Amino acid sequence: MKIVTVVGARPQFIKAATLSRAISRHNSQSANLTIDEKILHTGQHYDATMSENLFEELEIPHPHFHLNIRSDSQGAQTGKMLEKIESVLKKELPDALLVYGDTNSTLAGALAAAKLHIPVVHIEAGLRSFNRRMPEEVNRVICDHISTLLFCPTQTSLKNLQDEGITKGVEWVGDIMYDGILYYQRKASQTILDYLSIEPNNYILATVHRAENTDNPARLQSIIKALEDTADSLKTLVLALHPRTKKLLKQHSLELSKSIKVIEPTPYLETITLLKNAKAIMTDSGGLQKEAFFLKTPCITLRDETEWVETIENETNKLVGADANKTAKVLNQLLSGEWKPNFSEKPYGLGDSANSIINYLIKFKNHIS
């Protein structure tokens, strides 16, 4: 079976690495159907710590195709990707195209394959924030409606698809990111803590990158105030500053207080260490909300809604939007012990998602052969 896997953003590299390892394991053990995977990197994230270095760090092959498509407007970037992905697919003629998550790379890959009548496999299907102003929400909804196989990470995502009338080809497999965390946390070292001179459980980790926050000057300013207040309260707040956020801070003439310890985005293994040892994380990242859950770190989400509703239900995650006062209240609840997260539930499976996906891919190939 031949598949083309489209990746373009850091979380997708991590998911792809996990599945690629499982594919290699399957191929070494299977005497029957093997899987020939070709990796296509759109270039959507081009900072070295967020793309190329990951292929070394996460033990996955360098991509067979690199489109080198960088930042642009939503439509322009997606259009360029669509054109180039289509060209690759016409030459490769895979049995299926595989996409992850909800980025422009995801949408472009799915559209290119669907128009060529190549089955689309969507991993992390069925997630919904129910906020169509988010580009990610538009991407994931369209992708789900043109996919042939839809692999859901949670029971909630399964129900979301059912509510939209999507039932064929839908399977609950658990969350492939959980597979990855179980593997990579064993490889992560404590070195980054010493380098930054921070102590475990004595700092807050923060990230901000979503367009809904960074493109709105008033909202971004309010988030900065929340970060500054937190830094003053806890003494140490580490902000991993996304390149796009750095650019927009300058564009909006906003400055960060010196009380915030600003660092460059860290490689994935260092991110795991920082996240695992933090007292809490403040973020607008969907992936980090979930990884915080896996690593038993409380999460304060700088958004008004989340697709990872299970983290809210288990009270491991609290939504504060861009409200500095609400952020301060939640932080006080954490520091006083009033907020008691429940990390005992297993809404994202048991860490064997990759093997389940491979089994379904083989069944699909046998069915269409």
Protein backbone atom coordinates (compact mmCIF):
# COMPACT_ATOMS: atom_id res chain seq x y z
CA MET A 1 0.00 0.00 0.00
CA LYS A 2 1.36 3.39 -0.98
CA ILE A 3 0.46 6.53 0.98
CA VAL A 4 1.56 10.14 0.84
CA THR A 5 1.64 11.88 4.22
CA VAL A 6 1.31 15.68 4.24
CA VAL A 7 2.90 17.62 7.10
CA GLY A 8 3.61 21.29 7.53
CA ALA A 9 3.43 22.30 11.19
CA ARG A 10 5.29 21.08 14.26
CA PRO A 11 2.46 19.04 15.84
CA GLN A 12 2.03 17.20 12.56
CA PHE A 13 5.71 16.22 12.54
CA ILE A 14 5.30 14.66 15.97
CA LYS A 15 2.20 12.70 14.94
CA ALA A 16 3.84 11.63 11.68
CA ALA A 17 6.94 10.45 13.52
CA THR A 18 4.82 8.24 15.75
CA LEU A 19 2.93 6.65 12.87
CA SER A 20 6.07 6.31 10.73
CA ARG A 21 7.79 4.32 13.47
CA ALA A 22 4.78 2.03 13.74
CA ILE A 23 4.74 1.59 9.94
CA SER A 24 8.41 0.60 9.94
CA ARG A 25 7.72 -1.87 12.73
CA HIS A 26 4.77 -3.29 10.81
CA ASN A 27 6.77 -3.63 7.59
CA SER A 28 9.56 -5.51 9.36
CA GLN A 29 7.08 -7.99 10.84
CA SER A 30 4.58 -8.40 8.00
CA ALA A 31 5.01 -11.00 5.29
CA ASN A 32 1.92 -9.80 3.47
CA LEU A 33 0.86 -6.19 2.99
CA THR A 34 3.51 -3.53 3.62
CA ILE A 35 3.03 0.23 3.63
CA ASP A 36 5.18 2.48 1.46
CA GLU A 37 4.99 5.96 2.99
CA LYS A 38 6.16 9.10 1.21
CA ILE A 39 6.39 12.23 3.39
CA LEU A 40 5.55 15.61 1.86
CA HIS A 41 6.52 18.73 3.82
CA THR A 42 4.71 21.87 2.65
CA GLY A 43 7.11 24.20 4.45
CA GLN A 44 4.30 25.91 6.37
CA HIS A 45 6.56 26.16 9.44
CA TYR A 46 10.06 27.10 8.35
CA ASP A 47 11.86 28.01 11.58
CA ALA A 48 14.57 25.39 12.13
CA THR A 49 13.44 24.49 15.65
CA MET A 50 9.91 23.99 14.35
CA SER A 51 10.59 21.89 11.25
CA GLU A 52 13.89 20.57 9.89
CA ASN A 53 15.52 19.82 13.25
CA LEU A 54 12.49 17.79 14.21
CA PHE A 55 13.26 15.15 11.61
CA GLU A 56 16.53 14.45 13.42
CA GLU A 57 15.14 14.79 16.93
CA LEU A 58 12.05 12.65 16.32
CA GLU A 59 13.86 9.94 14.35
CA ILE A 60 11.88 10.21 11.14
CA PRO A 61 13.24 10.29 7.59
CA HIS A 62 13.66 13.63 5.90
CA PRO A 63 10.70 14.35 3.62
CA HIS A 64 10.67 12.92 0.14
CA PHE A 65 9.11 16.17 -1.08
CA HIS A 66 9.65 19.68 0.30
CA LEU A 67 7.44 22.38 -1.22
CA ASN A 68 9.10 25.33 0.57
CA ILE A 69 5.84 27.25 0.84
CA ARG A 70 6.14 29.78 3.63
CA SER A 71 3.95 32.37 5.31
CA ASP A 72 1.29 34.12 3.27
CA SER A 73 -2.38 35.01 3.56
CA GLN A 74 -4.71 32.10 4.31
CA GLY A 75 -6.00 31.84 0.74
CA ALA A 76 -2.68 32.42 -1.01
CA GLN A 77 -0.80 29.91 1.14
CA THR A 78 -3.48 27.24 0.75
CA GLY A 79 -3.68 27.84 -3.00
CA LYS A 80 0.07 27.46 -3.51
CA MET A 81 0.06 24.26 -1.48
CA LEU A 82 -2.90 22.87 -3.40
CA GLU A 83 -1.20 23.39 -6.74
CA LYS A 84 2.11 21.80 -5.72
CA ILE A 85 0.58 18.89 -3.79
CA GLU A 86 -1.61 18.07 -6.78
CA SER A 87 1.50 17.90 -8.97
CA VAL A 88 3.16 15.42 -6.58
CA LEU A 89 0.04 13.26 -6.34
CA LYS A 90 -0.30 13.03 -10.12
CA LYS A 91 3.20 11.56 -10.28
CA GLU A 92 3.00 9.32 -7.22
CA LEU A 93 -0.60 8.05 -7.62
CA PRO A 94 -0.84 6.79 -4.01
CA ASP A 95 -3.59 4.52 -2.68
CA ALA A 96 -4.39 7.22 -0.12
CA LEU A 97 -3.29 10.62 1.14
CA LEU A 98 -2.92 11.03 4.89
CA VAL A 99 -3.31 14.34 6.73
CA TYR A 100 -3.20 15.39 10.37
CA GLY A 101 -5.10 18.01 12.32
CA ASP A 102 -6.39 21.32 11.00
CA THR A 103 -3.72 23.46 9.34
CA ASN A 104 -3.66 24.93 5.84
CA SER A 105 -1.41 22.01 4.89
CA THR A 106 -4.18 19.65 6.03
CA LEU A 107 -6.82 21.39 3.95
CA ALA A 108 -4.67 21.75 0.84
CA GLY A 109 -3.64 18.08 0.96
CA ALA A 110 -7.21 16.89 1.42
CA LEU A 111 -8.56 19.09 -1.40
CA ALA A 112 -5.82 18.07 -3.82
CA ALA A 113 -6.42 14.36 -3.18
CA ALA A 114 -10.22 14.59 -3.26
CA LYS A 115 -10.18 16.35 -6.64
CA LEU A 116 -7.97 13.54 -8.00
CA HIS A 117 -10.28 10.90 -6.48
CA ILE A 118 -7.54 9.72 -4.14
CA PRO A 119 -8.95 8.59 -0.75
CA VAL A 120 -8.23 11.03 2.07
CA VAL A 121 -7.30 9.70 5.52
CA HIS A 122 -7.80 12.28 8.28
CA ILE A 123 -6.12 11.61 11.60
CA GLU A 124 -7.57 13.70 14.43
CA ALA A 125 -10.96 13.93 12.75
CA GLY A 126 -14.15 15.25 14.32
CA LEU A 127 -12.70 17.97 16.53
CA ARG A 128 -14.90 21.05 16.82
CA SER A 129 -14.53 24.37 18.64
CA PHE A 130 -17.77 25.56 16.96
CA ASN A 131 -16.08 28.87 16.18
CA ARG A 132 -16.05 29.34 12.41
CA ARG A 133 -13.99 32.52 12.77
CA MET A 134 -11.00 30.27 13.46
CA PRO A 135 -9.22 29.20 10.24
CA GLU A 136 -8.48 25.86 11.91
CA GLU A 137 -12.18 25.18 12.43
CA VAL A 138 -12.96 25.82 8.76
CA ASN A 139 -10.07 23.57 7.73
CA ARG A 140 -11.12 20.65 9.93
CA VAL A 141 -14.80 20.80 8.95
CA ILE A 142 -14.06 20.81 5.21
CA CYS A 143 -11.45 18.09 5.57
CA ASP A 144 -13.81 15.81 7.49
CA HIS A 145 -16.52 16.16 4.86
CA ILE A 146 -14.24 15.07 2.00
CA SER A 147 -12.34 12.31 3.82
CA THR A 148 -12.77 8.59 3.20
CA LEU A 149 -11.28 7.36 6.47
CA LEU A 150 -11.71 9.46 9.61
CA PHE A 151 -9.76 8.51 12.72
CA CYS A 152 -11.18 10.13 15.86
CA PRO A 153 -9.12 10.76 19.01
CA THR A 154 -12.10 10.95 21.39
CA GLN A 155 -15.67 9.83 21.79
CA THR A 156 -16.71 13.48 21.60
CA SER A 157 -15.12 13.85 18.16
CA LEU A 158 -16.92 10.69 17.06
CA LYS A 159 -20.25 12.17 18.13
CA ASN A 160 -19.49 15.46 16.39
CA LEU A 161 -19.16 13.61 13.09
CA GLN A 162 -22.35 11.65 13.71
CA ASP A 163 -24.18 14.92 14.38
CA GLU A 164 -23.01 16.15 10.96
CA GLY A 165 -24.16 12.95 9.25
CA ILE A 166 -20.67 11.52 8.79
CA THR A 167 -20.69 7.85 9.79
CA LYS A 168 -19.01 5.91 6.97
CA GLY A 169 -15.31 5.23 7.40
CA VAL A 170 -15.30 6.69 10.92
CA GLU A 171 -13.28 4.95 13.64
CA TRP A 172 -12.31 5.83 17.20
CA VAL A 173 -8.59 5.06 17.62
CA GLY A 174 -7.53 7.25 20.54
CA ASP A 175 -5.04 10.08 20.30
CA ILE A 176 -1.80 9.50 18.42
CA MET A 177 -0.19 12.32 20.40
CA TYR A 178 -0.50 10.18 23.51
CA ASP A 179 1.53 7.47 21.76
CA GLY A 180 4.17 10.10 21.05
CA ILE A 181 4.32 11.50 24.58
CA LEU A 182 4.76 8.02 26.06
CA TYR A 183 7.72 7.45 23.74
CA TYR A 184 9.43 10.84 23.83
CA GLN A 185 9.18 11.68 27.53
CA ARG A 186 11.63 8.85 28.17
CA LYS A 187 14.15 10.59 25.91
CA ALA A 188 13.77 14.10 27.33
CA SER A 189 16.50 15.39 29.69
CA GLN A 190 16.46 18.08 32.39
CA THR A 191 19.26 20.10 30.76
CA ILE A 192 17.02 22.93 29.57
CA LEU A 193 15.99 23.69 33.16
CA ASP A 194 19.61 24.18 34.20
CA TYR A 195 20.31 26.26 31.10
CA LEU A 196 17.41 28.61 31.89
CA SER A 197 18.15 28.60 35.64
CA ILE A 198 14.62 27.58 36.58
CA GLU A 199 13.43 25.08 39.15
CA PRO A 200 10.78 22.37 38.68
CA ASN A 201 7.26 23.39 39.75
CA ASN A 202 8.40 26.97 40.26
CA TYR A 203 7.57 28.60 36.91
CA ILE A 204 4.76 29.04 34.41
CA LEU A 205 5.36 28.13 30.76
CA ALA A 206 3.56 30.28 28.19
CA THR A 207 2.99 30.23 24.42
CA VAL A 208 0.86 32.47 22.19
CA HIS A 209 0.49 32.10 18.44
CA ARG A 210 -3.13 31.81 17.23
CA ALA A 211 -4.38 34.42 14.78
CA GLU A 212 -7.43 35.18 16.93
CA ASN A 213 -5.05 36.45 19.61
CA THR A 214 -2.07 37.83 17.70
CA ASP A 215 -3.92 39.61 14.89
CA ASN A 216 -6.08 41.58 17.33
CA PRO A 217 -3.95 44.30 19.01
CA ALA A 218 -6.37 44.81 21.92
CA ARG A 219 -6.60 41.11 22.60
CA LEU A 220 -2.84 40.63 22.35
CA GLN A 221 -2.23 43.56 24.69
CA SER A 222 -4.60 42.06 27.26
CA ILE A 223 -2.81 38.71 27.05
CA ILE A 224 0.53 40.44 27.55
CA LYS A 225 -0.85 42.05 30.70
CA ALA A 226 -1.99 38.63 31.92
CA LEU A 227 1.50 37.25 31.30
CA GLU A 228 3.15 40.20 33.05
CA ASP A 229 0.82 39.93 36.06
CA THR A 230 1.57 36.21 36.27
CA ALA A 231 5.32 36.84 36.06
CA ASP A 232 5.07 39.39 38.88
CA SER A 233 2.98 37.01 40.99
CA LEU A 234 5.01 33.84 40.55
CA LYS A 235 8.36 35.55 39.83
CA THR A 236 9.14 33.27 36.88
CA LEU A 237 7.19 33.08 33.63
CA VAL A 238 8.90 31.54 30.60
CA LEU A 239 7.47 32.66 27.25
CA ALA A 240 8.50 30.58 24.24
CA LEU A 241 8.01 33.34 21.67
CA HIS A 242 6.64 32.13 18.34
CA PRO A 243 8.28 33.88 15.32
CA ARG A 244 4.91 35.08 14.06
CA THR A 245 3.95 36.49 17.47
CA LYS A 246 7.30 38.25 17.72
CA LYS A 247 6.67 39.88 14.35
CA LEU A 248 3.15 40.99 15.29
CA LEU A 249 4.23 42.41 18.65
CA LYS A 250 6.55 44.71 16.76
CA GLN A 251 3.86 45.47 14.17
CA HIS A 252 1.37 46.40 16.90
CA SER A 253 4.04 48.43 18.78
CA LEU A 254 3.69 46.23 21.86
CA GLU A 255 6.57 45.47 24.21
CA LEU A 256 7.10 42.66 26.69
CA SER A 257 8.02 43.41 30.28
CA LYS A 258 11.50 42.45 31.42
CA SER A 259 9.81 40.37 34.15
CA ILE A 260 8.98 37.80 31.46
CA LYS A 261 11.77 35.36 30.60
CA VAL A 262 11.55 35.25 26.78
CA ILE A 263 13.11 32.30 24.95
CA GLU A 264 13.15 31.07 21.37
CA PRO A 265 10.81 28.16 20.53
CA THR A 266 12.48 25.03 21.87
CA PRO A 267 12.97 21.64 20.21
CA TYR A 268 10.25 19.15 21.05
CA LEU A 269 12.12 17.14 23.68
CA GLU A 270 13.02 20.33 25.54
CA THR A 271 9.40 21.45 25.27
CA ILE A 272 8.31 18.22 26.94
CA THR A 273 10.74 18.86 29.79
CA LEU A 274 9.56 22.45 30.22
CA LEU A 275 5.91 21.40 30.12
CA LYS A 276 6.30 18.43 32.45
CA ASN A 277 8.11 20.46 35.12
CA ALA A 278 6.00 23.62 34.97
CA LYS A 279 3.55 24.56 37.71
CA ALA A 280 1.14 25.27 34.85
CA ILE A 281 1.06 26.30 31.21
CA MET A 282 -0.67 29.34 29.72
CA THR A 283 -1.30 28.78 26.03
CA ASP A 284 -3.62 29.13 23.05
CA SER A 285 -2.21 25.98 21.44
CA GLY A 286 -4.56 23.06 20.96
CA GLY A 287 -1.77 20.49 21.06
CA LEU A 288 -0.19 21.83 24.24
CA GLN A 289 -3.53 21.70 26.08
CA LYS A 290 -3.61 17.99 25.44
CA GLU A 291 0.08 17.37 26.08
CA ALA A 292 -0.30 19.16 29.40
CA PHE A 293 -3.03 16.66 30.24
CA PHE A 294 -0.79 13.73 29.31
CA LEU A 295 2.04 15.12 31.45
CA LYS A 296 -0.28 16.03 34.35
CA THR A 297 0.36 19.76 34.14
CA PRO A 298 -2.56 22.19 34.77
CA CYS A 299 -3.41 24.28 31.71
CA ILE A 300 -4.74 27.85 31.49
CA THR A 301 -6.03 28.34 27.95
CA LEU A 302 -5.93 31.80 26.39
CA ARG A 303 -8.97 31.14 24.23
CA ASP A 304 -12.74 31.45 24.59
CA GLU A 305 -13.39 27.84 23.58
CA THR A 306 -11.50 24.61 22.97
CA GLU A 307 -11.88 21.53 20.81
CA TRP A 308 -10.40 19.46 23.66
CA VAL A 309 -13.51 19.57 25.82
CA GLU A 310 -12.42 16.53 27.85
CA THR A 311 -9.72 18.62 29.53
CA ILE A 312 -12.38 21.09 30.66
CA GLU A 313 -14.67 18.32 31.91
CA ASN A 314 -11.83 16.83 33.97
CA GLU A 315 -10.88 20.29 35.26
CA THR A 316 -7.29 19.98 34.11
CA ASN A 317 -7.79 22.98 31.86
CA LYS A 318 -9.53 26.33 32.37
CA LEU A 319 -10.55 28.80 29.66
CA VAL A 320 -9.70 32.44 30.36
CA GLY A 321 -9.72 33.98 26.88
CA ALA A 322 -7.74 37.23 26.75
CA ASP A 323 -9.08 38.38 30.12
CA ALA A 324 -6.25 39.34 32.49
CA ASN A 325 -8.58 39.43 35.51
CA LYS A 326 -9.96 35.98 34.80
CA THR A 327 -6.40 34.70 34.32
CA ALA A 328 -5.35 36.11 37.69
CA LYS A 329 -8.37 34.50 39.38
CA VAL A 330 -7.58 31.06 37.93
CA LEU A 331 -3.90 31.39 38.84
CA ASN A 332 -4.85 32.22 42.43
CA GLN A 333 -7.11 29.15 42.52
CA LEU A 334 -4.15 27.04 41.40
CA LEU A 335 -1.66 28.51 43.86
CA SER A 336 -4.09 28.27 46.79
CA GLY A 337 -4.97 24.65 46.05
CA GLU A 338 -8.62 25.49 45.35
CA TRP A 339 -8.22 24.22 41.77
CA LYS A 340 -7.75 20.44 41.89
CA PRO A 341 -7.22 18.99 38.37
CA ASN A 342 -8.29 15.38 37.75
CA PHE A 343 -5.72 13.54 35.65
CA SER A 344 -7.02 10.04 36.38
CA GLU A 345 -9.37 9.68 33.38
CA LYS A 346 -8.24 8.25 30.01
CA PRO A 347 -10.38 10.02 27.38
CA TYR A 348 -7.63 9.81 24.75
CA GLY A 349 -7.07 6.07 24.76
CA LEU A 350 -4.21 3.97 26.07
CA GLY A 351 -1.37 5.00 23.77
CA ASP A 352 -1.82 2.43 20.98
CA SER A 353 -3.45 4.68 18.38
CA ALA A 354 -0.78 4.16 15.69
CA ASN A 355 -1.24 0.39 15.61
CA SER A 356 -5.02 0.79 15.36
CA ILE A 357 -4.62 3.18 12.42
CA ILE A 358 -2.33 0.76 10.59
CA ASN A 359 -4.79 -2.10 11.06
CA TYR A 360 -7.62 -0.01 9.61
CA LEU A 361 -5.44 1.11 6.68
CA ILE A 362 -4.68 -2.51 5.83
CA LYS A 363 -8.35 -3.46 6.02
CA PHE A 364 -9.16 -0.54 3.73
CA LYS A 365 -6.50 -1.58 1.19
CA ASN A 366 -7.73 -5.17 1.21
CA HIS A 367 -11.30 -3.94 0.69
CA ILE A 368 -10.47 -1.81 -2.36
CA SER A 369 -8.05 -4.29 -3.95
